[in-house]
Amino acid sequence: MNTAIPILRWIIRIAGLVALGLGLTFWSGSGYGLLSAHQGLGYLVSIALLLMAVLGFGQRVSPGLLILAIIWSLVVPGVGSSQLKMLPGDLHWVIQVFHLLLGVGAIGLGEAIAGRAQRARVA
C-alpha cells in the first residue's frame, strides 16, 4: 500500500475527531473563538479525503467509492461554510445535524478507502 494512504488516514482520524469535538462544543453554546480552527480542520479532512480518493485509483479500490469520496470531499466544506445561511431559525438544527453526519461520513469514507487499499495490497 502506498505510504501516503496510512498517513492521510491518520490525518483524517485526528483532524476529524478534533473538528467533531469542537463542533459539539459549539452546540453547547461555547467555544466560538475556535471556529476558525474547526473550519481549518474541516478543510484538512476534506483535502486529505480528496487526496486519498485520488490515490485509491492506483490501489484497486472500487471506483464508485472513490467517486463518492471525491464528491463528499467537495460537499463537506461547501455545506460547512454556508450552513449559517441555511434554514435560519428554529429549523437550523437540521443543517447542523446534516453537517455533523457529513463530517462523520468523511471519516468513515477515509477508513473505507484505506481499509480496501490495504486489503487489495495483501491479496
N, C-alpha and C. Protein backbone atom coordinates (compact mmCIF):
# COMPACT_ATOMS: atom_id res chain seq x y z
N MET A 1 0.86 -1.19 0.00
CA MET A 1 0.00 0.00 0.00
C MET A 1 0.89 1.23 0.00
N ASN A 2 0.48 2.19 -0.74
CA ASN A 2 1.17 3.47 -0.78
C ASN A 2 1.27 4.02 0.64
N THR A 3 2.45 4.51 1.04
CA THR A 3 2.60 5.02 2.41
C THR A 3 1.81 6.29 2.65
N ALA A 4 1.40 6.96 1.59
CA ALA A 4 0.61 8.19 1.76
C ALA A 4 -0.78 7.88 2.31
N ILE A 5 -1.34 6.75 1.94
CA ILE A 5 -2.70 6.43 2.38
C ILE A 5 -2.79 6.28 3.90
N PRO A 6 -1.88 5.53 4.55
CA PRO A 6 -1.95 5.47 6.02
C PRO A 6 -1.75 6.84 6.69
N ILE A 7 -0.89 7.65 6.11
CA ILE A 7 -0.69 8.99 6.68
C ILE A 7 -1.96 9.82 6.55
N LEU A 8 -2.57 9.79 5.38
CA LEU A 8 -3.82 10.52 5.17
C LEU A 8 -4.92 9.97 6.08
N ARG A 9 -4.92 8.66 6.30
CA ARG A 9 -5.91 8.04 7.20
C ARG A 9 -5.80 8.64 8.60
N TRP A 10 -4.56 8.76 9.09
CA TRP A 10 -4.37 9.32 10.43
C TRP A 10 -4.70 10.81 10.48
N ILE A 11 -4.41 11.53 9.40
CA ILE A 11 -4.79 12.95 9.35
C ILE A 11 -6.31 13.07 9.45
N ILE A 12 -7.03 12.24 8.68
CA ILE A 12 -8.49 12.28 8.71
C ILE A 12 -9.00 11.91 10.09
N ARG A 13 -8.44 10.87 10.69
CA ARG A 13 -8.88 10.44 12.02
C ARG A 13 -8.71 11.55 13.06
N ILE A 14 -7.49 12.08 13.14
CA ILE A 14 -7.19 13.05 14.20
C ILE A 14 -7.90 14.38 13.95
N ALA A 15 -7.74 14.93 12.75
CA ALA A 15 -8.37 16.22 12.44
C ALA A 15 -9.88 16.10 12.50
N GLY A 16 -10.41 14.98 12.03
CA GLY A 16 -11.86 14.78 12.05
C GLY A 16 -12.42 14.70 13.46
N LEU A 17 -11.75 13.96 14.33
CA LEU A 17 -12.24 13.85 15.71
C LEU A 17 -12.13 15.18 16.46
N VAL A 18 -11.06 15.91 16.24
CA VAL A 18 -10.93 17.23 16.90
C VAL A 18 -12.00 18.18 16.36
N ALA A 19 -12.23 18.16 15.04
CA ALA A 19 -13.27 19.01 14.46
C ALA A 19 -14.64 18.64 15.01
N LEU A 20 -14.91 17.34 15.15
CA LEU A 20 -16.19 16.91 15.73
C LEU A 20 -16.32 17.39 17.17
N GLY A 21 -15.26 17.28 17.93
CA GLY A 21 -15.29 17.76 19.32
C GLY A 21 -15.56 19.25 19.40
N LEU A 22 -14.90 20.02 18.53
CA LEU A 22 -15.14 21.46 18.51
C LEU A 22 -16.58 21.77 18.10
N GLY A 23 -17.08 21.05 17.11
CA GLY A 23 -18.46 21.26 16.67
C GLY A 23 -19.45 20.99 17.79
N LEU A 24 -19.22 19.94 18.55
CA LEU A 24 -20.11 19.65 19.68
C LEU A 24 -19.99 20.72 20.76
N THR A 25 -18.78 21.28 20.91
CA THR A 25 -18.61 22.39 21.86
C THR A 25 -19.44 23.60 21.43
N PHE A 26 -19.48 23.86 20.13
CA PHE A 26 -20.29 24.97 19.63
C PHE A 26 -21.76 24.74 19.92
N TRP A 27 -22.21 23.49 19.79
CA TRP A 27 -23.61 23.17 20.08
C TRP A 27 -23.95 23.43 21.54
N SER A 28 -22.94 23.30 22.41
CA SER A 28 -23.20 23.55 23.83
C SER A 28 -23.27 25.05 24.13
N GLY A 29 -22.95 25.87 23.14
CA GLY A 29 -23.06 27.32 23.31
C GLY A 29 -21.77 28.00 23.70
N SER A 30 -20.64 27.30 23.58
CA SER A 30 -19.37 27.93 23.92
C SER A 30 -18.32 27.59 22.88
N GLY A 31 -17.14 28.19 23.03
CA GLY A 31 -16.02 27.87 22.17
C GLY A 31 -16.02 28.51 20.80
N TYR A 32 -16.86 29.51 20.58
CA TYR A 32 -16.94 30.11 19.25
C TYR A 32 -15.65 30.78 18.80
N GLY A 33 -14.76 31.05 19.73
CA GLY A 33 -13.46 31.61 19.38
C GLY A 33 -12.60 30.62 18.60
N LEU A 34 -12.99 29.35 18.65
CA LEU A 34 -12.25 28.30 17.94
C LEU A 34 -12.89 27.92 16.61
N LEU A 35 -13.80 28.74 16.14
CA LEU A 35 -14.50 28.44 14.89
C LEU A 35 -13.53 28.33 13.71
N SER A 36 -12.54 29.20 13.66
CA SER A 36 -11.56 29.14 12.56
C SER A 36 -10.77 27.84 12.61
N ALA A 37 -10.43 27.38 13.80
CA ALA A 37 -9.72 26.10 13.94
C ALA A 37 -10.61 24.96 13.44
N HIS A 38 -11.89 24.99 13.80
CA HIS A 38 -12.84 23.97 13.36
C HIS A 38 -12.93 23.96 11.83
N GLN A 39 -13.02 25.13 11.23
CA GLN A 39 -13.11 25.22 9.78
C GLN A 39 -11.82 24.73 9.12
N GLY A 40 -10.68 25.12 9.68
CA GLY A 40 -9.40 24.67 9.13
C GLY A 40 -9.25 23.16 9.19
N LEU A 41 -9.67 22.57 10.30
CA LEU A 41 -9.62 21.12 10.43
C LEU A 41 -10.56 20.45 9.44
N GLY A 42 -11.73 21.06 9.23
CA GLY A 42 -12.67 20.52 8.25
C GLY A 42 -12.09 20.54 6.84
N TYR A 43 -11.44 21.64 6.50
CA TYR A 43 -10.79 21.72 5.19
C TYR A 43 -9.67 20.68 5.08
N LEU A 44 -8.92 20.49 6.16
CA LEU A 44 -7.85 19.49 6.17
C LEU A 44 -8.40 18.09 5.94
N VAL A 45 -9.49 17.76 6.61
CA VAL A 45 -10.13 16.45 6.42
C VAL A 45 -10.58 16.30 4.97
N SER A 46 -11.20 17.33 4.43
CA SER A 46 -11.70 17.26 3.05
C SER A 46 -10.56 17.10 2.04
N ILE A 47 -9.47 17.83 2.24
CA ILE A 47 -8.33 17.72 1.33
C ILE A 47 -7.68 16.35 1.44
N ALA A 48 -7.54 15.85 2.68
CA ALA A 48 -6.95 14.52 2.88
C ALA A 48 -7.83 13.44 2.25
N LEU A 49 -9.14 13.57 2.39
CA LEU A 49 -10.05 12.60 1.77
C LEU A 49 -9.95 12.66 0.25
N LEU A 50 -9.88 13.85 -0.30
CA LEU A 50 -9.75 14.01 -1.74
C LEU A 50 -8.46 13.36 -2.24
N LEU A 51 -7.35 13.62 -1.57
CA LEU A 51 -6.08 13.01 -1.96
C LEU A 51 -6.12 11.50 -1.83
N MET A 52 -6.73 11.01 -0.74
CA MET A 52 -6.83 9.57 -0.55
C MET A 52 -7.65 8.93 -1.66
N ALA A 53 -8.71 9.59 -2.06
CA ALA A 53 -9.54 9.06 -3.14
C ALA A 53 -8.77 9.01 -4.45
N VAL A 54 -8.02 10.04 -4.74
CA VAL A 54 -7.22 10.05 -5.97
C VAL A 54 -6.18 8.93 -5.94
N LEU A 55 -5.51 8.76 -4.80
CA LEU A 55 -4.52 7.69 -4.66
C LEU A 55 -5.18 6.31 -4.72
N GLY A 56 -6.41 6.22 -4.29
CA GLY A 56 -7.12 4.95 -4.29
C GLY A 56 -7.32 4.36 -5.67
N PHE A 57 -7.33 5.21 -6.69
CA PHE A 57 -7.49 4.70 -8.06
C PHE A 57 -6.33 3.79 -8.45
N GLY A 58 -5.16 4.04 -7.90
CA GLY A 58 -3.99 3.19 -8.20
C GLY A 58 -3.88 2.01 -7.25
N GLN A 59 -4.80 1.87 -6.33
CA GLN A 59 -4.73 0.80 -5.32
C GLN A 59 -5.84 -0.23 -5.48
N ARG A 60 -6.49 -0.26 -6.62
CA ARG A 60 -7.56 -1.21 -6.90
C ARG A 60 -8.74 -1.08 -5.93
N VAL A 61 -9.06 0.14 -5.56
CA VAL A 61 -10.23 0.42 -4.74
C VAL A 61 -11.39 0.70 -5.68
N SER A 62 -12.58 0.32 -5.29
CA SER A 62 -13.78 0.48 -6.11
C SER A 62 -13.92 1.93 -6.61
N PRO A 63 -14.00 2.11 -7.92
CA PRO A 63 -14.14 3.47 -8.46
C PRO A 63 -15.39 4.18 -7.95
N GLY A 64 -16.47 3.45 -7.73
CA GLY A 64 -17.69 4.08 -7.20
C GLY A 64 -17.46 4.70 -5.84
N LEU A 65 -16.74 3.98 -4.96
CA LEU A 65 -16.42 4.51 -3.64
C LEU A 65 -15.52 5.74 -3.74
N LEU A 66 -14.58 5.70 -4.65
CA LEU A 66 -13.65 6.82 -4.82
C LEU A 66 -14.34 8.06 -5.37
N ILE A 67 -15.24 7.86 -6.32
CA ILE A 67 -16.00 8.99 -6.87
C ILE A 67 -16.90 9.59 -5.79
N LEU A 68 -17.53 8.72 -4.99
CA LEU A 68 -18.34 9.21 -3.87
C LEU A 68 -17.48 10.05 -2.91
N ALA A 69 -16.28 9.57 -2.61
CA ALA A 69 -15.39 10.29 -1.69
C ALA A 69 -14.97 11.64 -2.27
N ILE A 70 -14.73 11.70 -3.57
CA ILE A 70 -14.36 12.97 -4.20
C ILE A 70 -15.52 13.96 -4.09
N ILE A 71 -16.71 13.50 -4.40
CA ILE A 71 -17.88 14.38 -4.29
C ILE A 71 -18.07 14.80 -2.84
N TRP A 72 -17.96 13.84 -1.92
CA TRP A 72 -18.14 14.11 -0.48
C TRP A 72 -17.15 15.16 -0.01
N SER A 73 -15.90 15.05 -0.47
CA SER A 73 -14.86 15.98 -0.03
C SER A 73 -15.11 17.40 -0.51
N LEU A 74 -15.94 17.55 -1.52
CA LEU A 74 -16.31 18.88 -2.01
C LEU A 74 -17.57 19.41 -1.32
N VAL A 75 -18.47 18.51 -0.97
CA VAL A 75 -19.73 18.90 -0.34
C VAL A 75 -19.52 19.34 1.11
N VAL A 76 -18.66 18.63 1.85
CA VAL A 76 -18.48 18.93 3.27
C VAL A 76 -18.09 20.40 3.50
N PRO A 77 -17.03 20.92 2.86
CA PRO A 77 -16.70 22.32 3.11
C PRO A 77 -17.75 23.29 2.55
N GLY A 78 -18.42 22.88 1.49
CA GLY A 78 -19.47 23.74 0.93
C GLY A 78 -20.61 23.93 1.90
N VAL A 79 -21.06 22.84 2.49
CA VAL A 79 -22.15 22.94 3.48
C VAL A 79 -21.65 23.64 4.73
N GLY A 80 -20.44 23.28 5.17
CA GLY A 80 -19.90 23.89 6.39
C GLY A 80 -19.75 25.40 6.29
N SER A 81 -19.26 25.87 5.16
CA SER A 81 -19.03 27.31 5.05
C SER A 81 -20.30 28.12 4.82
N SER A 82 -21.36 27.46 4.38
CA SER A 82 -22.60 28.19 4.12
C SER A 82 -23.74 27.81 5.06
N GLN A 83 -23.46 26.96 6.05
CA GLN A 83 -24.56 26.45 6.88
C GLN A 83 -25.25 27.52 7.73
N LEU A 84 -24.56 28.60 8.06
CA LEU A 84 -25.21 29.65 8.86
C LEU A 84 -26.33 30.34 8.10
N LYS A 85 -26.29 30.25 6.77
CA LYS A 85 -27.32 30.88 5.94
C LYS A 85 -28.48 29.94 5.64
N MET A 86 -28.30 28.66 5.96
CA MET A 86 -29.31 27.66 5.61
C MET A 86 -30.30 27.46 6.76
N LEU A 87 -31.55 27.47 6.44
CA LEU A 87 -32.63 27.24 7.42
C LEU A 87 -32.43 28.00 8.72
N PRO A 88 -32.34 29.31 8.65
CA PRO A 88 -32.19 30.06 9.90
C PRO A 88 -33.44 29.91 10.77
N GLY A 89 -33.25 30.06 12.05
CA GLY A 89 -34.39 29.97 12.96
C GLY A 89 -34.50 28.61 13.63
N ASP A 90 -35.72 28.21 13.91
CA ASP A 90 -35.96 27.00 14.68
C ASP A 90 -35.54 25.72 13.98
N LEU A 91 -35.44 25.74 12.67
CA LEU A 91 -35.08 24.52 11.94
C LEU A 91 -33.59 24.42 11.61
N HIS A 92 -32.80 25.35 12.13
CA HIS A 92 -31.37 25.34 11.81
C HIS A 92 -30.68 24.07 12.32
N TRP A 93 -31.22 23.46 13.33
CA TRP A 93 -30.63 22.23 13.87
C TRP A 93 -30.57 21.13 12.80
N VAL A 94 -31.48 21.18 11.82
CA VAL A 94 -31.47 20.18 10.75
C VAL A 94 -30.16 20.28 9.95
N ILE A 95 -29.75 21.49 9.64
CA ILE A 95 -28.50 21.70 8.92
C ILE A 95 -27.32 21.31 9.79
N GLN A 96 -27.38 21.61 11.07
CA GLN A 96 -26.29 21.23 11.97
C GLN A 96 -26.12 19.72 12.03
N VAL A 97 -27.22 19.00 12.13
CA VAL A 97 -27.15 17.54 12.15
C VAL A 97 -26.64 17.02 10.81
N PHE A 98 -27.10 17.61 9.72
CA PHE A 98 -26.64 17.22 8.39
C PHE A 98 -25.13 17.41 8.27
N HIS A 99 -24.63 18.54 8.74
CA HIS A 99 -23.19 18.83 8.71
C HIS A 99 -22.43 17.83 9.57
N LEU A 100 -22.96 17.51 10.73
CA LEU A 100 -22.34 16.51 11.61
C LEU A 100 -22.24 15.16 10.89
N LEU A 101 -23.33 14.75 10.25
CA LEU A 101 -23.34 13.47 9.54
C LEU A 101 -22.36 13.48 8.36
N LEU A 102 -22.25 14.62 7.69
CA LEU A 102 -21.27 14.73 6.61
C LEU A 102 -19.85 14.55 7.14
N GLY A 103 -19.56 15.15 8.29
CA GLY A 103 -18.22 15.02 8.88
C GLY A 103 -17.92 13.59 9.29
N VAL A 104 -18.87 12.95 9.95
CA VAL A 104 -18.69 11.55 10.35
C VAL A 104 -18.55 10.68 9.10
N GLY A 105 -19.33 10.98 8.08
CA GLY A 105 -19.24 10.24 6.83
C GLY A 105 -17.88 10.39 6.16
N ALA A 106 -17.29 11.58 6.25
CA ALA A 106 -15.96 11.80 5.67
C ALA A 106 -14.93 10.92 6.36
N ILE A 107 -15.02 10.83 7.67
CA ILE A 107 -14.11 9.96 8.41
C ILE A 107 -14.33 8.51 8.00
N GLY A 108 -15.59 8.11 7.90
CA GLY A 108 -15.91 6.74 7.51
C GLY A 108 -15.44 6.41 6.10
N LEU A 109 -15.59 7.33 5.18
CA LEU A 109 -15.11 7.10 3.81
C LEU A 109 -13.59 6.95 3.78
N GLY A 110 -12.90 7.77 4.56
CA GLY A 110 -11.45 7.63 4.64
C GLY A 110 -11.04 6.26 5.16
N GLU A 111 -11.75 5.80 6.19
CA GLU A 111 -11.48 4.47 6.73
C GLU A 111 -11.77 3.39 5.70
N ALA A 112 -12.86 3.52 4.98
CA ALA A 112 -13.23 2.51 3.99
C ALA A 112 -12.20 2.43 2.86
N ILE A 113 -11.77 3.58 2.38
CA ILE A 113 -10.79 3.60 1.30
C ILE A 113 -9.46 3.01 1.77
N ALA A 114 -9.00 3.43 2.94
CA ALA A 114 -7.73 2.93 3.47
C ALA A 114 -7.79 1.43 3.70
N GLY A 115 -8.90 0.95 4.26
CA GLY A 115 -9.04 -0.47 4.51
C GLY A 115 -9.05 -1.29 3.24
N ARG A 116 -9.75 -0.81 2.23
CA ARG A 116 -9.81 -1.54 0.95
C ARG A 116 -8.47 -1.50 0.24
N ALA A 117 -7.76 -0.39 0.34
CA ALA A 117 -6.43 -0.31 -0.28
C ALA A 117 -5.48 -1.29 0.41
N GLN A 118 -5.58 -1.38 1.71
CA GLN A 118 -4.74 -2.31 2.46
C GLN A 118 -5.07 -3.77 2.10
N ARG A 119 -6.34 -4.09 2.02
CA ARG A 119 -6.75 -5.46 1.67
C ARG A 119 -6.34 -5.79 0.23
N ALA A 120 -6.42 -4.83 -0.67
CA ALA A 120 -6.03 -5.07 -2.06
C ALA A 120 -4.54 -5.36 -2.16
N ARG A 121 -3.77 -4.74 -1.31
CA ARG A 121 -2.32 -4.96 -1.31
C ARG A 121 -1.98 -6.35 -0.81
N VAL A 122 -2.70 -6.79 0.21
CA VAL A 122 -2.44 -8.09 0.81
C VAL A 122 -2.88 -9.21 -0.14
N ALA A 123 -3.95 -8.98 -0.89
CA ALA A 123 -4.49 -10.02 -1.78
C ALA A 123 -3.65 -10.32 -2.98
